[in-house]
Structures are given as C-alpha cells and as structure tokens.
mmCIF file of all heavy atoms, coordinates in Angstrom:
data_MODEL
# 
_entry.id   MODEL 
# 
loop_
_atom_site.group_PDB 
_atom_site.id 
_atom_site.type_symbol 
_atom_site.label_atom_id 
_atom_site.label_alt_id 
_atom_site.label_comp_id 
_atom_site.label_asym_id 
_atom_site.label_entity_id 
_atom_site.label_seq_id 
_atom_site.pdbx_PDB_ins_code 
_atom_site.Cartn_x 
_atom_site.Cartn_y 
_atom_site.Cartn_z 
_atom_site.occupancy 
_atom_site.B_iso_or_equiv 
_atom_site.pdbx_formal_charge 
_atom_site.auth_seq_id 
_atom_site.auth_comp_id 
_atom_site.auth_asym_id 
_atom_site.auth_atom_id 
_atom_site.pdbx_PDB_model_num 
ATOM 1   N N   . SER A 1 1  ? -28.951 -99.601  109.272 1.00 0.00 ? 1  SER A N   1 
ATOM 2   C CA  . SER A 1 1  ? -28.252 -99.914  108.037 1.00 0.00 ? 1  SER A CA  1 
ATOM 3   C C   . SER A 1 1  ? -27.896 -98.686  107.207 1.00 0.00 ? 1  SER A C   1 
ATOM 4   O O   . SER A 1 1  ? -27.049 -98.774  106.305 1.00 0.00 ? 1  SER A O   1 
ATOM 5   C CB  . SER A 1 1  ? -29.099 -100.870 107.188 1.00 0.00 ? 1  SER A CB  1 
ATOM 6   O OG  . SER A 1 1  ? -30.343 -100.295 106.864 1.00 0.00 ? 1  SER A OG  1 
ATOM 7   N N   . VAL A 1 2  ? -28.507 -97.543  107.486 1.00 0.00 ? 2  VAL A N   1 
ATOM 8   C CA  . VAL A 1 2  ? -28.251 -96.346  106.687 1.00 0.00 ? 2  VAL A CA  1 
ATOM 9   C C   . VAL A 1 2  ? -27.637 -95.219  107.499 1.00 0.00 ? 2  VAL A C   1 
ATOM 10  O O   . VAL A 1 2  ? -27.298 -94.169  106.921 1.00 0.00 ? 2  VAL A O   1 
ATOM 11  C CB  . VAL A 1 2  ? -29.537 -95.837  105.994 1.00 0.00 ? 2  VAL A CB  1 
ATOM 12  C CG1 . VAL A 1 2  ? -30.170 -96.956  105.198 1.00 0.00 ? 2  VAL A CG1 1 
ATOM 13  C CG2 . VAL A 1 2  ? -30.516 -95.252  107.015 1.00 0.00 ? 2  VAL A CG2 1 
ATOM 14  N N   . LYS A 1 3  ? -27.480 -95.400  108.799 1.00 0.00 ? 3  LYS A N   1 
ATOM 15  C CA  . LYS A 1 3  ? -26.884 -94.347  109.630 1.00 0.00 ? 3  LYS A CA  1 
ATOM 16  C C   . LYS A 1 3  ? -25.495 -93.980  109.139 1.00 0.00 ? 3  LYS A C   1 
ATOM 17  O O   . LYS A 1 3  ? -24.684 -94.842  108.836 1.00 0.00 ? 3  LYS A O   1 
ATOM 18  C CB  . LYS A 1 3  ? -26.833 -94.797  111.093 1.00 0.00 ? 3  LYS A CB  1 
ATOM 19  C CG  . LYS A 1 3  ? -28.173 -94.811  111.777 1.00 0.00 ? 3  LYS A CG  1 
ATOM 20  C CD  . LYS A 1 3  ? -28.028 -95.219  113.246 1.00 0.00 ? 3  LYS A CD  1 
ATOM 21  C CE  . LYS A 1 3  ? -29.375 -95.189  113.950 1.00 0.00 ? 3  LYS A CE  1 
ATOM 22  N NZ  . LYS A 1 3  ? -29.257 -95.636  115.368 1.00 0.00 ? 3  LYS A NZ  1 
ATOM 23  N N   . GLY A 1 4  ? -25.241 -92.691  109.051 1.00 0.00 ? 4  GLY A N   1 
ATOM 24  C CA  . GLY A 1 4  ? -23.969 -92.198  108.576 1.00 0.00 ? 4  GLY A CA  1 
ATOM 25  C C   . GLY A 1 4  ? -23.886 -92.063  107.077 1.00 0.00 ? 4  GLY A C   1 
ATOM 26  O O   . GLY A 1 4  ? -22.924 -91.461  106.572 1.00 0.00 ? 4  GLY A O   1 
ATOM 27  N N   . ARG A 1 5  ? -24.837 -92.627  106.353 1.00 0.00 ? 5  ARG A N   1 
ATOM 28  C CA  . ARG A 1 5  ? -24.839 -92.545  104.898 1.00 0.00 ? 5  ARG A CA  1 
ATOM 29  C C   . ARG A 1 5  ? -26.017 -91.754  104.340 1.00 0.00 ? 5  ARG A C   1 
ATOM 30  O O   . ARG A 1 5  ? -25.872 -91.059  103.334 1.00 0.00 ? 5  ARG A O   1 
ATOM 31  C CB  . ARG A 1 5  ? -24.869 -93.954  104.286 1.00 0.00 ? 5  ARG A CB  1 
ATOM 32  C CG  . ARG A 1 5  ? -23.670 -94.821  104.667 1.00 0.00 ? 5  ARG A CG  1 
ATOM 33  C CD  . ARG A 1 5  ? -23.645 -96.124  103.873 1.00 0.00 ? 5  ARG A CD  1 
ATOM 34  N NE  . ARG A 1 5  ? -24.809 -96.960  104.132 1.00 0.00 ? 5  ARG A NE  1 
ATOM 35  C CZ  . ARG A 1 5  ? -25.701 -97.313  103.213 1.00 0.00 ? 5  ARG A CZ  1 
ATOM 36  N NH1 . ARG A 1 5  ? -25.555 -96.899  101.948 1.00 0.00 ? 5  ARG A NH1 1 
ATOM 37  N NH2 . ARG A 1 5  ? -26.732 -98.081  103.530 1.00 0.00 ? 5  ARG A NH2 1 
ATOM 38  N N   . PHE A 1 6  ? -27.165 -91.860  104.986 1.00 0.00 ? 6  PHE A N   1 
ATOM 39  C CA  . PHE A 1 6  ? -28.382 -91.181  104.519 1.00 0.00 ? 6  PHE A CA  1 
ATOM 40  C C   . PHE A 1 6  ? -28.712 -90.019  105.450 1.00 0.00 ? 6  PHE A C   1 
ATOM 41  O O   . PHE A 1 6  ? -28.473 -90.079  106.655 1.00 0.00 ? 6  PHE A O   1 
ATOM 42  C CB  . PHE A 1 6  ? -29.569 -92.128  104.509 1.00 0.00 ? 6  PHE A CB  1 
ATOM 43  C CG  . PHE A 1 6  ? -29.512 -93.209  103.453 1.00 0.00 ? 6  PHE A CG  1 
ATOM 44  C CD1 . PHE A 1 6  ? -28.360 -93.444  102.724 1.00 0.00 ? 6  PHE A CD1 1 
ATOM 45  C CD2 . PHE A 1 6  ? -30.631 -93.979  103.211 1.00 0.00 ? 6  PHE A CD2 1 
ATOM 46  C CE1 . PHE A 1 6  ? -28.318 -94.447  101.763 1.00 0.00 ? 6  PHE A CE1 1 
ATOM 47  C CE2 . PHE A 1 6  ? -30.607 -94.985  102.257 1.00 0.00 ? 6  PHE A CE2 1 
ATOM 48  C CZ  . PHE A 1 6  ? -29.459 -95.219  101.533 1.00 0.00 ? 6  PHE A CZ  1 
ATOM 49  N N   . THR A 1 7  ? -29.306 -88.991  104.889 1.00 0.00 ? 7  THR A N   1 
ATOM 50  C CA  . THR A 1 7  ? -29.755 -87.834  105.652 1.00 0.00 ? 7  THR A CA  1 
ATOM 51  C C   . THR A 1 7  ? -31.145 -87.440  105.195 1.00 0.00 ? 7  THR A C   1 
ATOM 52  O O   . THR A 1 7  ? -31.373 -87.221  103.998 1.00 0.00 ? 7  THR A O   1 
ATOM 53  C CB  . THR A 1 7  ? -28.804 -86.628  105.500 1.00 0.00 ? 7  THR A CB  1 
ATOM 54  O OG1 . THR A 1 7  ? -27.484 -86.993  105.919 1.00 0.00 ? 7  THR A OG1 1 
ATOM 55  C CG2 . THR A 1 7  ? -29.290 -85.475  106.358 1.00 0.00 ? 7  THR A CG2 1 
ATOM 56  N N   . ILE A 1 8  ? -32.071 -87.363  106.134 1.00 0.00 ? 8  ILE A N   1 
ATOM 57  C CA  . ILE A 1 8  ? -33.423 -86.912  105.818 1.00 0.00 ? 8  ILE A CA  1 
ATOM 58  C C   . ILE A 1 8  ? -33.562 -85.453  106.226 1.00 0.00 ? 8  ILE A C   1 
ATOM 59  O O   . ILE A 1 8  ? -33.013 -85.018  107.245 1.00 0.00 ? 8  ILE A O   1 
ATOM 60  C CB  . ILE A 1 8  ? -34.482 -87.798  106.530 1.00 0.00 ? 8  ILE A CB  1 
ATOM 61  C CG1 . ILE A 1 8  ? -35.894 -87.442  106.038 1.00 0.00 ? 8  ILE A CG1 1 
ATOM 62  C CG2 . ILE A 1 8  ? -34.371 -87.676  108.037 1.00 0.00 ? 8  ILE A CG2 1 
ATOM 63  C CD1 . ILE A 1 8  ? -36.961 -88.406  106.534 1.00 0.00 ? 8  ILE A CD1 1 
ATOM 64  N N   . SER A 1 9  ? -34.282 -84.696  105.429 1.00 0.00 ? 9  SER A N   1 
ATOM 65  C CA  . SER A 1 9  ? -34.530 -83.292  105.722 1.00 0.00 ? 9  SER A CA  1 
ATOM 66  C C   . SER A 1 9  ? -35.889 -82.910  105.153 1.00 0.00 ? 9  SER A C   1 
ATOM 67  O O   . SER A 1 9  ? -36.481 -83.650  104.358 1.00 0.00 ? 9  SER A O   1 
ATOM 68  C CB  . SER A 1 9  ? -33.421 -82.394  105.153 1.00 0.00 ? 9  SER A CB  1 
ATOM 69  O OG  . SER A 1 9  ? -33.348 -82.523  103.735 1.00 0.00 ? 9  SER A OG  1 
ATOM 70  N N   . ARG A 1 10 ? -36.378 -81.749  105.556 1.00 0.00 ? 10 ARG A N   1 
ATOM 71  C CA  . ARG A 1 10 ? -37.658 -81.296  105.043 1.00 0.00 ? 10 ARG A CA  1 
ATOM 72  C C   . ARG A 1 10 ? -37.666 -79.793  104.873 1.00 0.00 ? 10 ARG A C   1 
ATOM 73  O O   . ARG A 1 10 ? -36.967 -79.064  105.579 1.00 0.00 ? 10 ARG A O   1 
ATOM 74  C CB  . ARG A 1 10 ? -38.799 -81.739  105.965 1.00 0.00 ? 10 ARG A CB  1 
ATOM 75  C CG  . ARG A 1 10 ? -38.741 -81.141  107.377 1.00 0.00 ? 10 ARG A CG  1 
ATOM 76  C CD  . ARG A 1 10 ? -39.740 -81.845  108.311 1.00 0.00 ? 10 ARG A CD  1 
ATOM 77  N NE  . ARG A 1 10 ? -41.119 -81.495  107.999 1.00 0.00 ? 10 ARG A NE  1 
ATOM 78  C CZ  . ARG A 1 10 ? -42.180 -82.096  108.554 1.00 0.00 ? 10 ARG A CZ  1 
ATOM 79  N NH1 . ARG A 1 10 ? -42.004 -83.086  109.419 1.00 0.00 ? 10 ARG A NH1 1 
ATOM 80  N NH2 . ARG A 1 10 ? -43.409 -81.702  108.223 1.00 0.00 ? 10 ARG A NH2 1 
ATOM 81  N N   . ASP A 1 11 ? -38.485 -79.350  103.951 1.00 0.00 ? 11 ASP A N   1 
ATOM 82  C CA  . ASP A 1 11 ? -38.716 -77.930  103.711 1.00 0.00 ? 11 ASP A CA  1 
ATOM 83  C C   . ASP A 1 11 ? -40.208 -77.716  103.912 1.00 0.00 ? 11 ASP A C   1 
ATOM 84  O O   . ASP A 1 11 ? -41.013 -78.024  103.042 1.00 0.00 ? 11 ASP A O   1 
ATOM 85  C CB  . ASP A 1 11 ? -38.283 -77.535  102.307 1.00 0.00 ? 11 ASP A CB  1 
ATOM 86  C CG  . ASP A 1 11 ? -38.381 -76.041  102.056 1.00 0.00 ? 11 ASP A CG  1 
ATOM 87  O OD1 . ASP A 1 11 ? -39.195 -75.371  102.709 1.00 0.00 ? 11 ASP A OD1 1 
ATOM 88  O OD2 . ASP A 1 11 ? -37.639 -75.524  101.204 1.00 0.00 ? 11 ASP A OD2 1 
ATOM 89  N N   . ASN A 1 12 ? -40.569 -77.202  105.073 1.00 0.00 ? 12 ASN A N   1 
ATOM 90  C CA  . ASN A 1 12 ? -41.985 -77.062  105.407 1.00 0.00 ? 12 ASN A CA  1 
ATOM 91  C C   . ASN A 1 12 ? -42.721 -76.077  104.476 1.00 0.00 ? 12 ASN A C   1 
ATOM 92  O O   . ASN A 1 12 ? -43.893 -76.244  104.211 1.00 0.00 ? 12 ASN A O   1 
ATOM 93  C CB  . ASN A 1 12 ? -42.138 -76.624  106.860 1.00 0.00 ? 12 ASN A CB  1 
ATOM 94  C CG  . ASN A 1 12 ? -41.711 -77.699  107.835 1.00 0.00 ? 12 ASN A CG  1 
ATOM 95  O OD1 . ASN A 1 12 ? -41.843 -78.892  107.561 1.00 0.00 ? 12 ASN A OD1 1 
ATOM 96  N ND2 . ASN A 1 12 ? -41.218 -77.299  109.002 1.00 0.00 ? 12 ASN A ND2 1 
ATOM 97  N N   . ALA A 1 13 ? -42.014 -75.055  104.024 1.00 0.00 ? 13 ALA A N   1 
ATOM 98  C CA  . ALA A 1 13 ? -42.628 -74.087  103.116 1.00 0.00 ? 13 ALA A CA  1 
ATOM 99  C C   . ALA A 1 13 ? -43.015 -74.715  101.779 1.00 0.00 ? 13 ALA A C   1 
ATOM 100 O O   . ALA A 1 13 ? -43.929 -74.250  101.119 1.00 0.00 ? 13 ALA A O   1 
ATOM 101 C CB  . ALA A 1 13 ? -41.691 -72.904  102.891 1.00 0.00 ? 13 ALA A CB  1 
ATOM 102 N N   . LYS A 1 14 ? -42.286 -75.770  101.390 1.00 0.00 ? 14 LYS A N   1 
ATOM 103 C CA  . LYS A 1 14 ? -42.551 -76.442  100.138 1.00 0.00 ? 14 LYS A CA  1 
ATOM 104 C C   . LYS A 1 14 ? -43.290 -77.763  100.320 1.00 0.00 ? 14 LYS A C   1 
ATOM 105 O O   . LYS A 1 14 ? -43.559 -78.442  99.334  1.00 0.00 ? 14 LYS A O   1 
ATOM 106 C CB  . LYS A 1 14 ? -41.226 -76.703  99.396  1.00 0.00 ? 14 LYS A CB  1 
ATOM 107 C CG  . LYS A 1 14 ? -40.480 -75.449  98.999  1.00 0.00 ? 14 LYS A CG  1 
ATOM 108 C CD  . LYS A 1 14 ? -39.200 -75.809  98.268  1.00 0.00 ? 14 LYS A CD  1 
ATOM 109 C CE  . LYS A 1 14 ? -38.445 -74.558  97.834  1.00 0.00 ? 14 LYS A CE  1 
ATOM 110 N NZ  . LYS A 1 14 ? -37.181 -74.886  97.137  1.00 0.00 ? 14 LYS A NZ  1 
ATOM 111 N N   . ASN A 1 15 ? -43.629 -78.105  101.554 1.00 0.00 ? 15 ASN A N   1 
ATOM 112 C CA  . ASN A 1 15 ? -44.275 -79.384  101.851 1.00 0.00 ? 15 ASN A CA  1 
ATOM 113 C C   . ASN A 1 15 ? -43.505 -80.545  101.234 1.00 0.00 ? 15 ASN A C   1 
ATOM 114 O O   . ASN A 1 15 ? -44.095 -81.466  100.636 1.00 0.00 ? 15 ASN A O   1 
ATOM 115 C CB  . ASN A 1 15 ? -45.722 -79.386  101.358 1.00 0.00 ? 15 ASN A CB  1 
ATOM 116 C CG  . ASN A 1 15 ? -46.598 -78.395  102.093 1.00 0.00 ? 15 ASN A CG  1 
ATOM 117 O OD1 . ASN A 1 15 ? -46.399 -78.151  103.288 1.00 0.00 ? 15 ASN A OD1 1 
ATOM 118 N ND2 . ASN A 1 15 ? -47.572 -77.824  101.419 1.00 0.00 ? 15 ASN A ND2 1 
ATOM 119 N N   . THR A 1 16 ? -42.210 -80.508  101.388 1.00 0.00 ? 16 THR A N   1 
ATOM 120 C CA  . THR A 1 16 ? -41.341 -81.481  100.725 1.00 0.00 ? 16 THR A CA  1 
ATOM 121 C C   . THR A 1 16 ? -40.379 -82.104  101.726 1.00 0.00 ? 16 THR A C   1 
ATOM 122 O O   . THR A 1 16 ? -39.842 -81.424  102.601 1.00 0.00 ? 16 THR A O   1 
ATOM 123 C CB  . THR A 1 16 ? -40.547 -80.804  99.597  1.00 0.00 ? 16 THR A CB  1 
ATOM 124 O OG1 . THR A 1 16 ? -41.448 -80.302  98.617  1.00 0.00 ? 16 THR A OG1 1 
ATOM 125 C CG2 . THR A 1 16 ? -39.599 -81.790  98.936  1.00 0.00 ? 16 THR A CG2 1 
ATOM 126 N N   . VAL A 1 17 ? -40.151 -83.389  101.573 1.00 0.00 ? 17 VAL A N   1 
ATOM 127 C CA  . VAL A 1 17 ? -39.165 -84.110  102.363 1.00 0.00 ? 17 VAL A CA  1 
ATOM 128 C C   . VAL A 1 17 ? -38.146 -84.705  101.397 1.00 0.00 ? 17 VAL A C   1 
ATOM 129 O O   . VAL A 1 17 ? -38.497 -85.134  100.293 1.00 0.00 ? 17 VAL A O   1 
ATOM 130 C CB  . VAL A 1 17 ? -39.813 -85.201  103.237 1.00 0.00 ? 17 VAL A CB  1 
ATOM 131 C CG1 . VAL A 1 17 ? -40.511 -86.260  102.376 1.00 0.00 ? 17 VAL A CG1 1 
ATOM 132 C CG2 . VAL A 1 17 ? -38.798 -85.844  104.158 1.00 0.00 ? 17 VAL A CG2 1 
ATOM 133 N N   . TYR A 1 18 ? -36.885 -84.724  101.838 1.00 0.00 ? 18 TYR A N   1 
ATOM 134 C CA  . TYR A 1 18 ? -35.795 -85.199  100.995 1.00 0.00 ? 18 TYR A CA  1 
ATOM 135 C C   . TYR A 1 18 ? -35.084 -86.347  101.697 1.00 0.00 ? 18 TYR A C   1 
ATOM 136 O O   . TYR A 1 18 ? -35.074 -86.457  102.917 1.00 0.00 ? 18 TYR A O   1 
ATOM 137 C CB  . TYR A 1 18 ? -34.778 -84.104  100.732 1.00 0.00 ? 18 TYR A CB  1 
ATOM 138 C CG  . TYR A 1 18 ? -35.357 -82.831  100.159 1.00 0.00 ? 18 TYR A CG  1 
ATOM 139 C CD1 . TYR A 1 18 ? -35.762 -81.795  100.995 1.00 0.00 ? 18 TYR A CD1 1 
ATOM 140 C CD2 . TYR A 1 18 ? -35.484 -82.663  98.784  1.00 0.00 ? 18 TYR A CD2 1 
ATOM 141 C CE1 . TYR A 1 18 ? -36.281 -80.633  100.474 1.00 0.00 ? 18 TYR A CE1 1 
ATOM 142 C CE2 . TYR A 1 18 ? -36.013 -81.493  98.261  1.00 0.00 ? 18 TYR A CE2 1 
ATOM 143 C CZ  . TYR A 1 18 ? -36.413 -80.472  99.116  1.00 0.00 ? 18 TYR A CZ  1 
ATOM 144 O OH  . TYR A 1 18 ? -36.926 -79.313  98.584  1.00 0.00 ? 18 TYR A OH  1 
ATOM 145 N N   . LEU A 1 19 ? -34.449 -87.181  100.903 1.00 0.00 ? 19 LEU A N   1 
ATOM 146 C CA  . LEU A 1 19 ? -33.549 -88.199  101.417 1.00 0.00 ? 19 LEU A CA  1 
ATOM 147 C C   . LEU A 1 19 ? -32.271 -88.149  100.592 1.00 0.00 ? 19 LEU A C   1 
ATOM 148 O O   . LEU A 1 19 ? -32.282 -88.505  99.407  1.00 0.00 ? 19 LEU A O   1 
ATOM 149 C CB  . LEU A 1 19 ? -34.163 -89.594  101.346 1.00 0.00 ? 19 LEU A CB  1 
ATOM 150 C CG  . LEU A 1 19 ? -33.344 -90.704  102.006 1.00 0.00 ? 19 LEU A CG  1 
ATOM 151 C CD1 . LEU A 1 19 ? -33.271 -90.491  103.506 1.00 0.00 ? 19 LEU A CD1 1 
ATOM 152 C CD2 . LEU A 1 19 ? -33.931 -92.078  101.698 1.00 0.00 ? 19 LEU A CD2 1 
ATOM 153 N N   . GLN A 1 20 ? -31.192 -87.695  101.216 1.00 0.00 ? 20 GLN A N   1 
ATOM 154 C CA  . GLN A 1 20 ? -29.890 -87.684  100.589 1.00 0.00 ? 20 GLN A CA  1 
ATOM 155 C C   . GLN A 1 20 ? -29.203 -89.004  100.888 1.00 0.00 ? 20 GLN A C   1 
ATOM 156 O O   . GLN A 1 20 ? -28.990 -89.353  102.047 1.00 0.00 ? 20 GLN A O   1 
ATOM 157 C CB  . GLN A 1 20 ? -29.056 -86.519  101.102 1.00 0.00 ? 20 GLN A CB  1 
ATOM 158 C CG  . GLN A 1 20 ? -27.644 -86.450  100.549 1.00 0.00 ? 20 GLN A CG  1 
ATOM 159 C CD  . GLN A 1 20 ? -27.619 -86.145  99.059  1.00 0.00 ? 20 GLN A CD  1 
ATOM 160 O OE1 . GLN A 1 20 ? -28.293 -85.235  98.616  1.00 0.00 ? 20 GLN A OE1 1 
ATOM 161 N NE2 . GLN A 1 20 ? -26.836 -86.909  98.301  1.00 0.00 ? 20 GLN A NE2 1 
ATOM 162 N N   . MET A 1 21 ? -28.870 -89.745  99.860  1.00 0.00 ? 21 MET A N   1 
ATOM 163 C CA  . MET A 1 21 ? -28.273 -91.074  100.009 1.00 0.00 ? 21 MET A CA  1 
ATOM 164 C C   . MET A 1 21 ? -26.851 -91.050  99.462  1.00 0.00 ? 21 MET A C   1 
ATOM 165 O O   . MET A 1 21 ? -26.636 -90.790  98.272  1.00 0.00 ? 21 MET A O   1 
ATOM 166 C CB  . MET A 1 21 ? -29.111 -92.114  99.267  1.00 0.00 ? 21 MET A CB  1 
ATOM 167 C CG  . MET A 1 21 ? -30.546 -92.212  99.788  1.00 0.00 ? 21 MET A CG  1 
ATOM 168 S SD  . MET A 1 21 ? -31.558 -93.423  98.880  1.00 0.00 ? 21 MET A SD  1 
ATOM 169 C CE  . MET A 1 21 ? -31.785 -92.547  97.343  1.00 0.00 ? 21 MET A CE  1 
ATOM 170 N N   . ASN A 1 22 ? -25.898 -91.311  100.337 1.00 0.00 ? 22 ASN A N   1 
ATOM 171 C CA  . ASN A 1 22 ? -24.488 -91.348  99.963  1.00 0.00 ? 22 ASN A CA  1 
ATOM 172 C C   . ASN A 1 22 ? -23.927 -92.729  100.188 1.00 0.00 ? 22 ASN A C   1 
ATOM 173 O O   . ASN A 1 22 ? -24.486 -93.542  100.917 1.00 0.00 ? 22 ASN A O   1 
ATOM 174 C CB  . ASN A 1 22 ? -23.697 -90.314  100.779 1.00 0.00 ? 22 ASN A CB  1 
ATOM 175 C CG  . ASN A 1 22 ? -24.146 -88.890  100.547 1.00 0.00 ? 22 ASN A CG  1 
ATOM 176 O OD1 . ASN A 1 22 ? -24.524 -88.521  99.452  1.00 0.00 ? 22 ASN A OD1 1 
ATOM 177 N ND2 . ASN A 1 22 ? -24.080 -88.068  101.596 1.00 0.00 ? 22 ASN A ND2 1 
ATOM 178 N N   . SER A 1 23 ? -22.775 -92.982  99.571  1.00 0.00 ? 23 SER A N   1 
ATOM 179 C CA  . SER A 1 23 ? -22.088 -94.279  99.721  1.00 0.00 ? 23 SER A CA  1 
ATOM 180 C C   . SER A 1 23 ? -23.032 -95.436  99.514  1.00 0.00 ? 23 SER A C   1 
ATOM 181 O O   . SER A 1 23 ? -23.093 -96.399  100.289 1.00 0.00 ? 23 SER A O   1 
ATOM 182 C CB  . SER A 1 23 ? -21.436 -94.369  101.108 1.00 0.00 ? 23 SER A CB  1 
ATOM 183 O OG  . SER A 1 23 ? -20.518 -93.325  101.306 1.00 0.00 ? 23 SER A OG  1 
ATOM 184 N N   . LEU A 1 24 ? -23.788 -95.372  98.434  1.00 0.00 ? 24 LEU A N   1 
ATOM 185 C CA  . LEU A 1 24 ? -24.806 -96.374  98.166  1.00 0.00 ? 24 LEU A CA  1 
ATOM 186 C C   . LEU A 1 24 ? -24.203 -97.756  97.914  1.00 0.00 ? 24 LEU A C   1 
ATOM 187 O O   . LEU A 1 24 ? -23.135 -97.889  97.312  1.00 0.00 ? 24 LEU A O   1 
ATOM 188 C CB  . LEU A 1 24 ? -25.637 -95.960  96.968  1.00 0.00 ? 24 LEU A CB  1 
ATOM 189 C CG  . LEU A 1 24 ? -26.650 -94.830  97.259  1.00 0.00 ? 24 LEU A CG  1 
ATOM 190 C CD1 . LEU A 1 24 ? -27.106 -94.165  95.976  1.00 0.00 ? 24 LEU A CD1 1 
ATOM 191 C CD2 . LEU A 1 24 ? -27.848 -95.389  98.034  1.00 0.00 ? 24 LEU A CD2 1 
ATOM 192 N N   . ILE A 1 25 ? -24.883 -98.753  98.390  1.00 0.00 ? 25 ILE A N   1 
ATOM 193 C CA  . ILE A 1 25 ? -24.469 -100.148 98.229  1.00 0.00 ? 25 ILE A CA  1 
ATOM 194 C C   . ILE A 1 25 ? -25.612 -100.921 97.571  1.00 0.00 ? 25 ILE A C   1 
ATOM 195 O O   . ILE A 1 25 ? -26.765 -100.477 97.623  1.00 0.00 ? 25 ILE A O   1 
ATOM 196 C CB  . ILE A 1 25 ? -24.076 -100.798 99.578  1.00 0.00 ? 25 ILE A CB  1 
ATOM 197 C CG1 . ILE A 1 25 ? -25.255 -100.731 100.563 1.00 0.00 ? 25 ILE A CG1 1 
ATOM 198 C CG2 . ILE A 1 25 ? -22.863 -100.096 100.156 1.00 0.00 ? 25 ILE A CG2 1 
ATOM 199 C CD1 . ILE A 1 25 ? -24.981 -101.401 101.904 1.00 0.00 ? 25 ILE A CD1 1 
ATOM 200 N N   . PRO A 1 26 ? -25.327 -102.067 96.956  1.00 0.00 ? 26 PRO A N   1 
ATOM 201 C CA  . PRO A 1 26 ? -26.386 -102.816 96.292  1.00 0.00 ? 26 PRO A CA  1 
ATOM 202 C C   . PRO A 1 26 ? -27.574 -103.156 97.175  1.00 0.00 ? 26 PRO A C   1 
ATOM 203 O O   . PRO A 1 26 ? -28.706 -103.248 96.696  1.00 0.00 ? 26 PRO A O   1 
ATOM 204 C CB  . PRO A 1 26 ? -25.669 -104.082 95.804  1.00 0.00 ? 26 PRO A CB  1 
ATOM 205 C CG  . PRO A 1 26 ? -24.265 -103.630 95.587  1.00 0.00 ? 26 PRO A CG  1 
ATOM 206 C CD  . PRO A 1 26 ? -24.003 -102.649 96.695  1.00 0.00 ? 26 PRO A CD  1 
ATOM 207 N N   . GLU A 1 27 ? -27.318 -103.346 98.471  1.00 0.00 ? 27 GLU A N   1 
ATOM 208 C CA  . GLU A 1 27 ? -28.399 -103.656 99.398  1.00 0.00 ? 27 GLU A CA  1 
ATOM 209 C C   . GLU A 1 27 ? -29.391 -102.525 99.563  1.00 0.00 ? 27 GLU A C   1 
ATOM 210 O O   . GLU A 1 27 ? -30.483 -102.740 100.124 1.00 0.00 ? 27 GLU A O   1 
ATOM 211 C CB  . GLU A 1 27 ? -27.818 -104.047 100.777 1.00 0.00 ? 27 GLU A CB  1 
ATOM 212 C CG  . GLU A 1 27 ? -27.114 -105.409 100.805 1.00 0.00 ? 27 GLU A CG  1 
ATOM 213 C CD  . GLU A 1 27 ? -25.738 -105.378 100.155 1.00 0.00 ? 27 GLU A CD  1 
ATOM 214 O OE1 . GLU A 1 27 ? -25.191 -104.295 99.902  1.00 0.00 ? 27 GLU A OE1 1 
ATOM 215 O OE2 . GLU A 1 27 ? -25.191 -106.483 99.895  1.00 0.00 ? 27 GLU A OE2 1 
ATOM 216 N N   . ASP A 1 28 ? -29.055 -101.333 99.113  1.00 0.00 ? 28 ASP A N   1 
ATOM 217 C CA  . ASP A 1 28 ? -29.991 -100.211 99.150  1.00 0.00 ? 28 ASP A CA  1 
ATOM 218 C C   . ASP A 1 28 ? -31.015 -100.266 98.029  1.00 0.00 ? 28 ASP A C   1 
ATOM 219 O O   . ASP A 1 28 ? -31.962 -99.472  98.023  1.00 0.00 ? 28 ASP A O   1 
ATOM 220 C CB  . ASP A 1 28 ? -29.234 -98.878  99.071  1.00 0.00 ? 28 ASP A CB  1 
ATOM 221 C CG  . ASP A 1 28 ? -28.347 -98.624  100.268 1.00 0.00 ? 28 ASP A CG  1 
ATOM 222 O OD1 . ASP A 1 28 ? -28.757 -98.948  101.407 1.00 0.00 ? 28 ASP A OD1 1 
ATOM 223 O OD2 . ASP A 1 28 ? -27.232 -98.089  100.086 1.00 0.00 ? 28 ASP A OD2 1 
ATOM 224 N N   . THR A 1 29 ? -30.842 -101.164 97.089  1.00 0.00 ? 29 THR A N   1 
ATOM 225 C CA  . THR A 1 29 ? -31.769 -101.283 95.967  1.00 0.00 ? 29 THR A CA  1 
ATOM 226 C C   . THR A 1 29 ? -33.149 -101.638 96.464  1.00 0.00 ? 29 THR A C   1 
ATOM 227 O O   . THR A 1 29 ? -33.342 -102.631 97.176  1.00 0.00 ? 29 THR A O   1 
ATOM 228 C CB  . THR A 1 29 ? -31.289 -102.352 94.979  1.00 0.00 ? 29 THR A CB  1 
ATOM 229 O OG1 . THR A 1 29 ? -30.033 -101.945 94.407  1.00 0.00 ? 29 THR A OG1 1 
ATOM 230 C CG2 . THR A 1 29 ? -32.300 -102.539 93.857  1.00 0.00 ? 29 THR A CG2 1 
# 
C-alpha cells in the first residue's frame, strides 16, 4: 500500500531511522 510513496532510511551513526512519506492519502492516517 505504500510502495512508490514511502521511503525508509537509516543513519547508523545517529542510531536513527526515518520514514519519508509522500503523496499521502487519508488511509495513511
């Protein structure tokens, strides 16, 4: 349901993971 719209990434030096969410739809709530 999120392929092509969301991107997960991580910064190991910061112990941080990110989720970039584009083209958001109400179903993502």
